[in-house]
């Protein structure tokens, strides 16, 4: 029964955590028995079971419970099979979605060598616009996962393709993640390549694309600033934030409401 398999998948993460905490008693139970079930259910015929398996896998990766060998030898190969050009459409959409979600949880080497080539192929998928849209929506996360060198060498050309896609939703998704992509590149690439590309989005024929681009204009401009002097930085959730400078803190210290905060911080530091 699919409902039984779905319920089983929902119990896998807490069982895995228990086995990890009791590892001296069950040193190989998770890797021998549970991990193969999770991998097998990623290809289950029932979409609810597959969804439960995908969610379980992401939780296990987030909790760092999956061994590197299992990631490289079991998880990545099955996702590559599911996202292959001749794969079933529904499986392919699910596979690219989970690839994008798990990229931030894996090592840079694993993402670059095992998943990045397939991601680049999927960005040019001419059959399913849903696949390209998922790639566009998660483009910034993939750039952050692989770093500047791979971004400029492999991903920027694909980003140009997506920014000129015939489907306006693709271009809108690119505009929304433009700051995250720009943040991963060098100042020269920002100036010579991304700036003209952004101008094309802000002049797009579709007003939804233009609106998204205007909303990303400020964050994109902020990536040109020197973080050490401007105090701008990217949080873990991908949002732009401002770190107050020492001069600002000192100038605000005369105000009673801020003085408490500064003194409290100093006391904690001491």
Foldseek 3Di string as FASTA:
>chain_A
DLVVLLVVLLCLQVVLVVCVVVCVVVVCCCVPPVLVSLLVQCPDPDPSSNVSSLVSVLSCLVVVSDDPCCCQPGVLVSLCVQCDLPHDPVSNLVSLLSLLSCLLSDALVCCVPRPVVSLLVQCPDPPDVSSVQSSLLSVLSSLVSNAAPCCVPRVVVSLLCQCPDPDVSSVQSNLQCVLSSLLRYDLVCLPPPVVVSLVCQCVDPDVSSVVSNVVCVVSSVVSNDDCVVQQWDADPVGDIDGDDDPVVLVVCCVPPVSVVVVVVVVVVVD
